[in-house]
Amino acid sequence: MWYAITGTDVPDSLAARITSRPAHVARLQALQAQGRLLLAGPFPAVDAEDPGSAGFTGSLIVAEFASLLDAQTWADADPYVSGGVYRDVSVRPFRKTLPA
C-alpha cells in the first residue's frame, strides 16, 4: 500500500537540511530503484522553485510499504529526523486515484 510521509521542519532548518541531504536522498533513491517511490520533494518556504535562504518548511514522500508500521519505521530512521531537520513526521495510508 502507498503511504504519505509528511515531515515538518524546525525553524531555520536549511543548514541541517544541507548536511543531511545526501543520506536522505540516498534512501529515496533506494526506494525508487525498488519501484516503491511515487513522489518526493520539499515544501519551499516561499513561492519559488528555489527558495534560496528562505529554505523549506517540510517534505512530502509517497512510497509503498507492506504496512503502516513498516512505513513509520522507515520514516523514523530518516536522516532528516536524526539530523534535526524535522520537528515532527506524520505517516498516513494513501490511496492513489489519479492518474490511473
N, C-alpha and C. Protein backbone atom coordinates (compact mmCIF):
# COMPACT_ATOMS: atom_id res chain seq x y z
N MET A 1 0.84 -1.17 0.00
CA MET A 1 0.00 0.00 0.00
C MET A 1 0.89 1.24 0.00
N TRP A 2 0.33 2.31 -0.53
CA TRP A 2 1.04 3.60 -0.52
C TRP A 2 0.85 4.28 0.83
N TYR A 3 1.88 5.04 1.24
CA TYR A 3 1.81 5.83 2.48
C TYR A 3 2.36 7.21 2.19
N ALA A 4 1.69 8.22 2.74
CA ALA A 4 2.14 9.61 2.64
C ALA A 4 2.90 9.94 3.92
N ILE A 5 4.15 10.31 3.74
CA ILE A 5 5.02 10.68 4.85
C ILE A 5 5.27 12.18 4.74
N THR A 6 4.83 12.92 5.75
CA THR A 6 4.99 14.37 5.75
C THR A 6 5.85 14.77 6.94
N GLY A 7 6.97 15.40 6.62
CA GLY A 7 7.85 15.92 7.67
C GLY A 7 7.70 17.43 7.74
N THR A 8 7.62 17.95 8.95
CA THR A 8 7.55 19.39 9.18
C THR A 8 8.87 19.85 9.77
N ASP A 9 9.49 20.82 9.11
CA ASP A 9 10.81 21.29 9.53
C ASP A 9 10.76 22.12 10.81
N VAL A 10 11.86 22.09 11.53
CA VAL A 10 12.08 23.03 12.62
C VAL A 10 12.37 24.39 11.98
N PRO A 11 12.24 25.49 12.73
CA PRO A 11 12.61 26.80 12.17
C PRO A 11 14.10 26.80 11.78
N ASP A 12 14.42 27.53 10.73
CA ASP A 12 15.81 27.69 10.28
C ASP A 12 16.50 26.34 10.05
N SER A 13 15.86 25.47 9.32
CA SER A 13 16.36 24.11 9.10
C SER A 13 17.35 23.98 7.94
N LEU A 14 17.56 25.05 7.18
CA LEU A 14 18.31 24.92 5.93
C LEU A 14 19.71 24.33 6.13
N ALA A 15 20.46 24.79 7.10
CA ALA A 15 21.82 24.26 7.30
C ALA A 15 21.78 22.76 7.63
N ALA A 16 20.85 22.35 8.47
CA ALA A 16 20.73 20.93 8.81
C ALA A 16 20.28 20.12 7.60
N ARG A 17 19.41 20.70 6.77
CA ARG A 17 18.97 20.03 5.54
C ARG A 17 20.15 19.77 4.62
N ILE A 18 20.97 20.78 4.43
CA ILE A 18 22.11 20.65 3.53
C ILE A 18 23.05 19.56 4.02
N THR A 19 23.28 19.51 5.32
CA THR A 19 24.18 18.50 5.90
C THR A 19 23.60 17.09 5.74
N SER A 20 22.32 16.93 5.98
CA SER A 20 21.69 15.60 5.99
C SER A 20 21.18 15.15 4.63
N ARG A 21 21.15 16.06 3.66
CA ARG A 21 20.52 15.76 2.37
C ARG A 21 21.11 14.57 1.63
N PRO A 22 22.43 14.40 1.52
CA PRO A 22 22.93 13.25 0.75
C PRO A 22 22.41 11.90 1.27
N ALA A 23 22.39 11.71 2.57
CA ALA A 23 21.90 10.45 3.14
C ALA A 23 20.39 10.32 2.95
N HIS A 24 19.68 11.43 3.09
CA HIS A 24 18.21 11.44 2.89
C HIS A 24 17.88 11.04 1.45
N VAL A 25 18.55 11.65 0.49
CA VAL A 25 18.30 11.36 -0.93
C VAL A 25 18.69 9.93 -1.27
N ALA A 26 19.76 9.43 -0.69
CA ALA A 26 20.17 8.04 -0.95
C ALA A 26 19.08 7.06 -0.57
N ARG A 27 18.40 7.31 0.54
CA ARG A 27 17.30 6.43 0.96
C ARG A 27 16.14 6.49 -0.02
N LEU A 28 15.86 7.71 -0.52
CA LEU A 28 14.79 7.85 -1.51
C LEU A 28 15.16 7.16 -2.81
N GLN A 29 16.41 7.27 -3.21
CA GLN A 29 16.86 6.61 -4.43
C GLN A 29 16.76 5.10 -4.31
N ALA A 30 17.00 4.58 -3.11
CA ALA A 30 16.84 3.14 -2.89
C ALA A 30 15.39 2.71 -3.08
N LEU A 31 14.46 3.49 -2.54
CA LEU A 31 13.04 3.20 -2.76
C LEU A 31 12.70 3.27 -4.24
N GLN A 32 13.23 4.28 -4.93
CA GLN A 32 12.97 4.44 -6.36
C GLN A 32 13.51 3.23 -7.14
N ALA A 33 14.69 2.78 -6.82
CA ALA A 33 15.28 1.64 -7.51
C ALA A 33 14.45 0.37 -7.31
N GLN A 34 13.75 0.30 -6.19
CA GLN A 34 12.89 -0.85 -5.90
C GLN A 34 11.49 -0.67 -6.49
N GLY A 35 11.23 0.46 -7.16
CA GLY A 35 9.91 0.72 -7.73
C GLY A 35 8.86 1.07 -6.70
N ARG A 36 9.29 1.57 -5.53
CA ARG A 36 8.37 1.84 -4.43
C ARG A 36 8.15 3.32 -4.14
N LEU A 37 8.74 4.20 -4.93
CA LEU A 37 8.61 5.64 -4.70
C LEU A 37 7.68 6.25 -5.74
N LEU A 38 6.60 6.86 -5.27
CA LEU A 38 5.67 7.53 -6.17
C LEU A 38 6.12 8.97 -6.40
N LEU A 39 6.46 9.68 -5.32
CA LEU A 39 6.96 11.04 -5.43
C LEU A 39 7.61 11.46 -4.13
N ALA A 40 8.46 12.47 -4.23
CA ALA A 40 9.12 13.01 -3.04
C ALA A 40 9.59 14.42 -3.36
N GLY A 41 9.50 15.29 -2.38
CA GLY A 41 10.01 16.64 -2.56
C GLY A 41 9.71 17.52 -1.37
N PRO A 42 10.41 18.66 -1.32
CA PRO A 42 10.24 19.59 -0.20
C PRO A 42 9.17 20.64 -0.48
N PHE A 43 8.75 21.30 0.59
CA PHE A 43 7.84 22.43 0.52
C PHE A 43 8.66 23.71 0.66
N PRO A 44 8.86 24.48 -0.42
CA PRO A 44 9.60 25.74 -0.29
C PRO A 44 8.89 26.69 0.68
N ALA A 45 9.68 27.44 1.43
CA ALA A 45 9.13 28.38 2.41
C ALA A 45 8.52 29.61 1.75
N VAL A 46 8.88 29.85 0.49
CA VAL A 46 8.32 30.96 -0.28
C VAL A 46 7.85 30.42 -1.63
N ASP A 47 7.07 31.21 -2.33
CA ASP A 47 6.50 30.78 -3.62
C ASP A 47 7.56 30.89 -4.72
N ALA A 48 8.50 29.94 -4.70
CA ALA A 48 9.57 29.92 -5.69
C ALA A 48 10.11 28.51 -5.81
N GLU A 49 10.50 28.13 -7.00
CA GLU A 49 11.12 26.82 -7.23
C GLU A 49 12.37 26.66 -6.37
N ASP A 50 13.19 27.71 -6.33
CA ASP A 50 14.40 27.73 -5.49
C ASP A 50 14.21 28.82 -4.45
N PRO A 51 13.90 28.45 -3.21
CA PRO A 51 13.62 29.45 -2.19
C PRO A 51 14.85 30.14 -1.61
N GLY A 52 16.04 29.73 -2.05
CA GLY A 52 17.25 30.34 -1.54
C GLY A 52 17.36 30.22 -0.03
N SER A 53 17.77 31.30 0.60
CA SER A 53 17.99 31.28 2.06
C SER A 53 16.70 31.14 2.87
N ALA A 54 15.53 31.32 2.22
CA ALA A 54 14.25 31.13 2.93
C ALA A 54 14.08 29.66 3.32
N GLY A 55 14.69 28.77 2.54
CA GLY A 55 14.66 27.36 2.88
C GLY A 55 13.33 26.68 2.63
N PHE A 56 13.06 25.69 3.45
CA PHE A 56 11.89 24.83 3.26
C PHE A 56 11.15 24.66 4.59
N THR A 57 9.87 24.31 4.49
CA THR A 57 9.06 24.13 5.69
C THR A 57 8.76 22.66 5.98
N GLY A 58 9.14 21.78 5.08
CA GLY A 58 8.88 20.36 5.28
C GLY A 58 9.03 19.60 3.98
N SER A 59 8.58 18.36 3.99
CA SER A 59 8.71 17.49 2.83
C SER A 59 7.53 16.53 2.76
N LEU A 60 7.29 16.04 1.54
CA LEU A 60 6.28 15.01 1.30
C LEU A 60 6.93 13.86 0.55
N ILE A 61 6.71 12.66 1.04
CA ILE A 61 7.16 11.44 0.39
C ILE A 61 5.94 10.53 0.28
N VAL A 62 5.69 10.00 -0.90
CA VAL A 62 4.65 8.98 -1.06
C VAL A 62 5.36 7.74 -1.58
N ALA A 63 5.32 6.70 -0.77
CA ALA A 63 6.05 5.47 -1.09
C ALA A 63 5.25 4.25 -0.66
N GLU A 64 5.63 3.12 -1.24
CA GLU A 64 4.94 1.87 -0.97
C GLU A 64 5.66 1.08 0.12
N PHE A 65 4.89 0.62 1.10
CA PHE A 65 5.40 -0.21 2.18
C PHE A 65 4.41 -1.34 2.43
N ALA A 66 4.86 -2.38 3.09
CA ALA A 66 4.00 -3.53 3.38
C ALA A 66 2.94 -3.20 4.43
N SER A 67 3.24 -2.24 5.31
CA SER A 67 2.31 -1.91 6.38
C SER A 67 2.58 -0.50 6.89
N LEU A 68 1.65 0.01 7.65
CA LEU A 68 1.82 1.31 8.30
C LEU A 68 3.03 1.28 9.24
N LEU A 69 3.18 0.18 9.95
CA LEU A 69 4.32 0.05 10.86
C LEU A 69 5.65 0.12 10.09
N ASP A 70 5.72 -0.55 8.95
CA ASP A 70 6.94 -0.50 8.13
C ASP A 70 7.22 0.92 7.65
N ALA A 71 6.17 1.61 7.22
CA ALA A 71 6.33 2.99 6.75
C ALA A 71 6.79 3.90 7.89
N GLN A 72 6.21 3.73 9.07
CA GLN A 72 6.58 4.55 10.23
C GLN A 72 8.02 4.27 10.64
N THR A 73 8.41 3.00 10.64
CA THR A 73 9.77 2.63 11.00
C THR A 73 10.76 3.24 10.02
N TRP A 74 10.45 3.19 8.72
CA TRP A 74 11.31 3.80 7.70
C TRP A 74 11.41 5.30 7.93
N ALA A 75 10.27 5.95 8.16
CA ALA A 75 10.25 7.40 8.36
C ALA A 75 11.04 7.80 9.61
N ASP A 76 10.90 7.05 10.67
CA ASP A 76 11.60 7.36 11.92
C ASP A 76 13.12 7.27 11.77
N ALA A 77 13.59 6.49 10.81
CA ALA A 77 15.04 6.31 10.58
C ALA A 77 15.61 7.30 9.57
N ASP A 78 14.79 8.24 9.11
CA ASP A 78 15.26 9.19 8.10
C ASP A 78 16.36 10.10 8.65
N PRO A 79 17.39 10.37 7.87
CA PRO A 79 18.45 11.29 8.30
C PRO A 79 17.94 12.69 8.64
N TYR A 80 16.82 13.10 8.08
CA TYR A 80 16.25 14.40 8.44
C TYR A 80 15.69 14.38 9.85
N VAL A 81 15.33 13.21 10.36
CA VAL A 81 14.89 13.08 11.75
C VAL A 81 16.11 13.15 12.67
N SER A 82 17.07 12.28 12.42
CA SER A 82 18.26 12.24 13.28
C SER A 82 19.12 13.48 13.13
N GLY A 83 19.04 14.15 11.98
CA GLY A 83 19.82 15.36 11.74
C GLY A 83 19.18 16.64 12.25
N GLY A 84 18.00 16.51 12.87
CA GLY A 84 17.35 17.68 13.45
C GLY A 84 16.65 18.59 12.45
N VAL A 85 16.34 18.08 11.26
CA VAL A 85 15.62 18.87 10.26
C VAL A 85 14.12 18.89 10.58
N TYR A 86 13.57 17.71 10.83
CA TYR A 86 12.12 17.60 11.06
C TYR A 86 11.77 17.80 12.53
N ARG A 87 10.75 18.62 12.77
CA ARG A 87 10.17 18.79 14.10
C ARG A 87 9.26 17.60 14.40
N ASP A 88 8.53 17.16 13.38
CA ASP A 88 7.65 16.00 13.52
C ASP A 88 7.43 15.37 12.16
N VAL A 89 6.98 14.12 12.20
CA VAL A 89 6.73 13.35 10.98
C VAL A 89 5.38 12.66 11.13
N SER A 90 4.58 12.76 10.08
CA SER A 90 3.27 12.11 10.03
C SER A 90 3.30 11.04 8.94
N VAL A 91 2.77 9.87 9.24
CA VAL A 91 2.68 8.79 8.26
C VAL A 91 1.23 8.35 8.19
N ARG A 92 0.67 8.39 6.99
CA ARG A 92 -0.74 8.01 6.81
C ARG A 92 -0.90 7.16 5.56
N PRO A 93 -1.84 6.22 5.58
CA PRO A 93 -2.15 5.46 4.36
C PRO A 93 -2.60 6.44 3.27
N PHE A 94 -2.26 6.10 2.03
CA PHE A 94 -2.59 6.96 0.89
C PHE A 94 -3.11 6.08 -0.24
N ARG A 95 -4.24 6.47 -0.81
CA ARG A 95 -4.81 5.73 -1.93
C ARG A 95 -4.67 6.55 -3.20
N LYS A 96 -3.80 6.12 -4.09
CA LYS A 96 -3.61 6.81 -5.35
C LYS A 96 -4.80 6.56 -6.25
N THR A 97 -5.42 7.62 -6.73
CA THR A 97 -6.58 7.51 -7.60
C THR A 97 -6.25 7.96 -9.01
N LEU A 98 -5.65 9.14 -9.14
CA LEU A 98 -5.31 9.69 -10.46
C LEU A 98 -3.88 10.18 -10.47
N PRO A 99 -3.19 10.14 -11.55
CA PRO A 99 -3.62 9.47 -12.78
C PRO A 99 -3.63 7.96 -12.59
N ALA A 100 -4.49 7.33 -13.35
CA ALA A 100 -4.67 5.86 -13.24
C ALA A 100 -3.48 5.12 -13.77
